[in-house]
Amino acid sequence: MELRVLGCSGGIGGAAQRTTALLLDRDILIDAGSGVGDLSMDALCRIDHVCLTHAHLDHIAFLPLLVDTVAGMRQTPLTVHAPADVIEALQRHVFNGTIWPDFSRLPTADAPFMRYHELSPGQVLRLGDRSILPLPVDHSVPAVAYRIDSGQASLVFSGDTGPCDAFWQAVNAIDNLRILIIECAFPDRERDLAVLSKHFCPSMLADGLAKLERACDLYITHLKPGQAEATLAEVESCLGHLAPRRLSNGLVLTF
């Protein structure tokens, strides 16, 4: 199984800054930020499933454009998998006929271009040989992390979160954990903002990772443009013993 990083920035600004989107094999997106826009038309048409961590714009911005672009070239609906609160936010605020057409009812309700599939807590989504399980996090809006299991190893993507004991308990229960992608949005000088917005800064992330009981490859994501180097220097200072690496566009992780 391969996970290709299309975008992993906390903002935009130049070719290196694409917001969160991860391509699993060729047919599953994990979040749909601006990184989706770099895919070719052929690659866009191969996407059958989109799993969303939450409804913030940097994680969903290109979903409306994706559906609109491929709608007439697909024989089956694009399926959006997400918790109920995330689906409700999409229906109310995005695919509402004002901001964007409701493609879950177009061209007809019986044969739409897009359909929703609600993920319940603890429910495993099985797509072929791949298993995707929502994990608990604590963010400023309803959100989940995802465990992606190839059968040989698991990758965990935190999405957006701040401190959350339930997240670390879930990660520690994964006996085949190989890769952890964890956010760190702010440097320590903006700790108060991190607490308010329910993100991590390096010192808070260090406290969280102290609860991690399993060895794994560690990648840092969701760095804010203009602050990334300062944040990474602080991450290295307090987490260097864990050999953290910066997630980057184009990186392919195999597990």
Protein backbone atom coordinates (compact mmCIF):
# COMPACT_ATOMS: atom_id res chain seq x y z
CA MET A 1 0.00 0.00 0.00
CA GLU A 2 1.27 3.48 -0.87
CA LEU A 3 0.35 6.86 0.53
CA ARG A 4 1.40 9.80 -1.62
CA VAL A 5 1.50 13.25 -0.06
CA LEU A 6 -0.26 15.78 -2.31
CA GLY A 7 -0.37 18.53 0.29
CA CYS A 8 0.53 18.87 3.97
CA SER A 9 0.86 22.58 4.69
CA GLY A 10 -1.15 24.64 7.12
CA GLY A 11 -1.59 27.30 4.42
CA ILE A 12 -0.73 28.42 0.90
CA GLY A 13 1.95 30.46 -0.83
CA GLY A 14 3.97 29.06 -3.72
CA ALA A 15 4.32 25.61 -5.23
CA ALA A 16 5.56 24.00 -2.02
CA GLN A 17 2.53 25.07 0.00
CA ARG A 18 -0.46 22.83 -0.65
CA THR A 19 -3.05 22.14 2.03
CA THR A 20 -3.81 18.67 3.28
CA ALA A 21 -4.51 15.89 0.80
CA LEU A 22 -3.12 12.34 0.85
CA LEU A 23 -3.62 9.84 -1.99
CA LEU A 24 -3.88 6.21 -0.90
CA ASP A 25 -2.92 3.93 -3.77
CA ARG A 26 -4.68 5.55 -6.72
CA ASP A 27 -8.32 5.55 -5.67
CA ILE A 28 -8.68 6.93 -2.12
CA LEU A 29 -8.16 10.48 -0.92
CA ILE A 30 -7.61 11.27 2.73
CA ASP A 31 -8.80 14.88 2.94
CA ALA A 32 -9.16 17.09 -0.11
CA GLY A 33 -7.17 20.28 0.35
CA SER A 34 -5.45 22.24 -2.40
CA GLY A 35 -2.92 19.47 -3.07
CA VAL A 36 -5.63 17.71 -5.08
CA GLY A 37 -5.32 20.38 -7.76
CA ASP A 38 -1.90 19.11 -8.86
CA LEU A 39 -3.29 15.75 -10.00
CA SER A 40 -3.78 15.06 -13.70
CA MET A 41 -7.23 14.56 -15.15
CA ASP A 42 -6.60 10.82 -15.40
CA ALA A 43 -5.55 10.67 -11.75
CA LEU A 44 -8.61 12.64 -10.65
CA CYS A 45 -10.89 10.24 -12.50
CA ARG A 46 -9.39 7.25 -10.68
CA ILE A 47 -10.46 8.56 -7.26
CA ASP A 48 -13.50 6.63 -6.03
CA HIS A 49 -13.43 7.47 -2.32
CA VAL A 50 -12.69 10.52 -0.17
CA CYS A 51 -12.26 10.12 3.61
CA LEU A 52 -12.49 13.42 5.47
CA THR A 53 -11.06 14.07 8.91
CA HIS A 54 -13.12 17.24 9.44
CA ALA A 55 -14.81 20.06 7.58
CA HIS A 56 -12.31 22.92 7.87
CA LEU A 57 -11.63 24.54 4.53
CA ASP A 58 -7.95 23.60 4.27
CA HIS A 59 -9.01 19.94 4.34
CA ILE A 60 -12.03 20.11 2.00
CA ALA A 61 -11.37 23.08 -0.31
CA PHE A 62 -10.92 21.07 -3.51
CA LEU A 63 -13.66 18.50 -2.90
CA PRO A 64 -16.35 20.61 -4.64
CA LEU A 65 -14.07 21.18 -7.63
CA LEU A 66 -13.09 17.52 -7.76
CA VAL A 67 -16.70 16.35 -7.94
CA ASP A 68 -17.58 18.94 -10.56
CA THR A 69 -14.54 18.08 -12.68
CA VAL A 70 -15.01 14.30 -12.85
CA ALA A 71 -18.81 14.04 -12.62
CA GLY A 72 -19.44 13.58 -16.33
CA MET A 73 -16.60 11.08 -16.71
CA ARG A 74 -17.69 8.62 -14.02
CA GLN A 75 -20.12 5.72 -14.15
CA THR A 76 -20.59 5.59 -10.37
CA PRO A 77 -20.84 8.29 -7.69
CA LEU A 78 -17.79 9.55 -5.87
CA THR A 79 -18.22 8.40 -2.27
CA VAL A 80 -17.42 10.79 0.59
CA HIS A 81 -16.81 8.96 3.87
CA ALA A 82 -16.97 11.02 7.06
CA PRO A 83 -18.54 11.20 10.53
CA ALA A 84 -22.12 12.47 10.66
CA ASP A 85 -21.16 15.95 11.93
CA VAL A 86 -18.76 16.43 9.04
CA ILE A 87 -21.36 15.35 6.48
CA GLU A 88 -23.89 17.70 8.02
CA ALA A 89 -21.42 20.60 7.74
CA LEU A 90 -20.82 19.82 4.06
CA GLN A 91 -24.53 19.64 3.34
CA ARG A 92 -25.37 22.81 5.21
CA HIS A 93 -22.44 25.04 4.31
CA VAL A 94 -20.89 23.80 1.05
CA PHE A 95 -23.09 21.58 -1.13
CA ASN A 96 -26.16 23.67 -0.36
CA GLY A 97 -27.12 25.04 -3.76
CA THR A 98 -25.69 28.46 -2.90
CA ILE A 99 -21.98 27.97 -2.31
CA TRP A 100 -21.93 24.91 -4.60
CA PRO A 101 -24.50 22.60 -6.22
CA ASP A 102 -25.76 19.67 -4.19
CA PHE A 103 -24.12 16.89 -6.17
CA SER A 104 -25.65 14.28 -3.86
CA ARG A 105 -28.93 15.06 -5.67
CA LEU A 106 -27.63 15.89 -9.13
CA PRO A 107 -28.32 15.00 -11.83
CA THR A 108 -30.96 13.00 -9.89
CA ALA A 109 -31.33 11.82 -6.31
CA ASP A 110 -31.37 8.20 -7.53
CA ALA A 111 -28.22 8.54 -9.64
CA PRO A 112 -26.11 11.34 -8.10
CA PHE A 113 -22.56 12.37 -8.94
CA MET A 114 -21.60 12.11 -5.24
CA ARG A 115 -22.89 10.15 -2.29
CA TYR A 116 -22.22 10.33 1.44
CA HIS A 117 -21.30 7.39 3.65
CA GLU A 118 -21.45 8.04 7.38
CA LEU A 119 -18.64 6.62 9.50
CA SER A 120 -19.58 5.70 13.04
CA PRO A 121 -17.14 5.58 15.97
CA GLY A 122 -15.28 2.27 15.91
CA GLN A 123 -16.57 1.38 12.44
CA VAL A 124 -13.95 -0.06 10.10
CA LEU A 125 -14.24 0.99 6.46
CA ARG A 126 -13.05 -1.85 4.25
CA LEU A 127 -12.10 -0.99 0.68
CA GLY A 128 -10.62 -4.06 -0.95
CA ASP A 129 -7.71 -5.23 1.18
CA ARG A 130 -7.47 -1.87 2.93
CA SER A 131 -9.01 -1.05 6.29
CA ILE A 132 -9.61 2.51 7.47
CA LEU A 133 -10.66 3.16 11.06
CA PRO A 134 -11.61 6.57 12.53
CA LEU A 135 -9.78 7.39 15.76
CA PRO A 136 -10.74 10.00 18.39
CA VAL A 137 -9.11 13.42 18.43
CA ASP A 138 -9.89 16.77 20.07
CA HIS A 139 -10.18 19.68 17.65
CA SER A 140 -12.22 22.88 17.55
CA VAL A 141 -14.84 21.19 15.33
CA PRO A 142 -15.92 17.54 15.14
CA ALA A 143 -12.98 15.60 13.76
CA VAL A 144 -11.29 12.22 13.58
CA ALA A 145 -7.89 10.76 12.86
CA TYR A 146 -7.54 7.69 10.65
CA ARG A 147 -5.74 4.40 11.07
CA ILE A 148 -5.00 2.91 7.64
CA ASP A 149 -4.15 -0.79 7.80
CA SER A 150 -2.66 -2.66 4.85
CA GLY A 151 -2.78 -5.98 6.68
CA GLN A 152 1.00 -5.88 7.06
CA ALA A 153 1.35 -2.53 8.82
CA SER A 154 -0.64 0.52 9.90
CA LEU A 155 -0.25 4.23 9.30
CA VAL A 156 -2.00 6.74 11.54
CA PHE A 157 -2.83 10.24 10.29
CA SER A 158 -3.88 12.58 13.07
CA GLY A 159 -5.68 15.16 10.97
CA ASP A 160 -6.04 18.24 13.17
CA THR A 161 -5.95 17.81 16.93
CA GLY A 162 -4.65 19.11 20.18
CA PRO A 163 -3.97 17.05 23.32
CA CYS A 164 -6.24 14.01 23.48
CA ASP A 165 -5.65 11.02 25.76
CA ALA A 166 -8.14 8.90 23.81
CA PHE A 167 -6.06 9.37 20.65
CA TRP A 168 -2.88 8.08 22.30
CA GLN A 169 -4.75 5.17 23.85
CA ALA A 170 -6.06 4.20 20.40
CA VAL A 171 -2.62 4.50 18.82
CA ASN A 172 -1.01 2.42 21.56
CA ALA A 173 -3.51 -0.36 20.84
CA ILE A 174 -2.22 -0.75 17.24
CA ASP A 175 0.14 -3.70 17.30
CA ASN A 176 1.36 -3.24 13.71
CA LEU A 177 1.93 0.53 13.84
CA ARG A 178 4.66 1.61 11.43
CA ILE A 179 4.06 5.29 10.64
CA LEU A 180 2.55 8.17 12.61
CA ILE A 181 1.79 11.44 10.84
CA ILE A 182 1.03 14.03 13.49
CA GLU A 183 0.25 17.72 13.23
CA CYS A 184 2.15 20.59 14.81
CA ALA A 185 0.59 23.80 13.60
CA PHE A 186 2.22 26.48 15.75
CA PRO A 187 5.58 27.31 17.32
CA ASP A 188 5.76 27.48 21.09
CA ARG A 189 5.54 31.26 21.12
CA GLU A 190 1.94 30.81 19.94
CA ARG A 191 1.07 28.17 22.52
CA ASP A 192 -1.98 30.12 23.68
CA LEU A 193 -3.34 30.14 20.13
CA ALA A 194 -2.61 26.43 19.80
CA VAL A 195 -4.59 25.74 22.98
CA LEU A 196 -7.47 27.95 21.86
CA SER A 197 -7.69 26.42 18.38
CA LYS A 198 -6.96 22.88 19.58
CA HIS A 199 -3.76 22.30 17.64
CA PHE A 200 -0.31 21.22 18.79
CA CYS A 201 2.80 23.30 19.34
CA PRO A 202 6.13 21.49 19.91
CA SER A 203 6.07 21.44 23.72
CA MET A 204 2.47 20.21 23.75
CA LEU A 205 3.32 17.58 21.14
CA ALA A 206 6.25 16.42 23.26
CA ASP A 207 3.87 15.91 26.17
CA GLY A 208 1.58 13.89 23.91
CA LEU A 209 4.30 11.76 22.39
CA ALA A 210 5.53 10.91 25.88
CA LYS A 211 2.38 8.77 26.04
CA LEU A 212 3.26 6.86 22.87
CA GLU A 213 4.29 3.32 23.78
CA ARG A 214 5.11 1.99 20.31
CA ALA A 215 8.10 2.58 18.08
CA CYS A 216 7.25 4.03 14.67
CA ASP A 217 8.40 6.42 11.97
CA LEU A 218 7.29 9.93 12.94
CA TYR A 219 6.32 12.64 10.46
CA ILE A 220 5.30 16.22 11.28
CA THR A 221 2.56 17.87 9.23
CA HIS A 222 0.35 21.00 9.09
CA LEU A 223 3.19 23.48 9.58
CA LYS A 224 2.17 27.10 9.04
CA PRO A 225 3.88 28.96 6.16
CA GLY A 226 6.37 31.49 7.51
CA GLN A 227 6.66 29.61 10.80
CA ALA A 228 7.67 26.16 9.61
CA GLU A 229 11.40 26.46 10.21
CA ALA A 230 10.99 27.85 13.71
CA THR A 231 8.45 25.16 14.57
CA LEU A 232 10.66 22.39 13.20
CA ALA A 233 13.67 23.68 15.15
CA GLU A 234 11.63 23.46 18.34
CA VAL A 235 10.35 19.99 17.37
CA GLU A 236 13.94 18.84 16.90
CA SER A 237 14.94 20.36 20.23
CA CYS A 238 12.32 18.56 22.29
CA LEU A 239 11.70 15.45 20.15
CA GLY A 240 15.05 14.79 18.48
CA HIS A 241 15.33 11.43 20.21
CA LEU A 242 12.31 10.26 18.17
CA ALA A 243 13.94 11.26 14.85
CA PRO A 244 10.95 13.28 13.60
CA ARG A 245 10.81 14.07 9.90
CA ARG A 246 9.00 16.79 8.06
CA LEU A 247 6.19 15.57 5.83
CA SER A 248 6.62 16.98 2.32
CA ASN A 249 4.72 17.12 -0.94
CA GLY A 250 5.51 14.22 -3.25
CA LEU A 251 6.70 11.93 -0.48
CA VAL A 252 5.48 8.34 -0.92
CA LEU A 253 5.13 6.17 2.17
CA THR A 254 4.88 2.40 1.70
CA PHE A 255 3.45 0.14 4.39
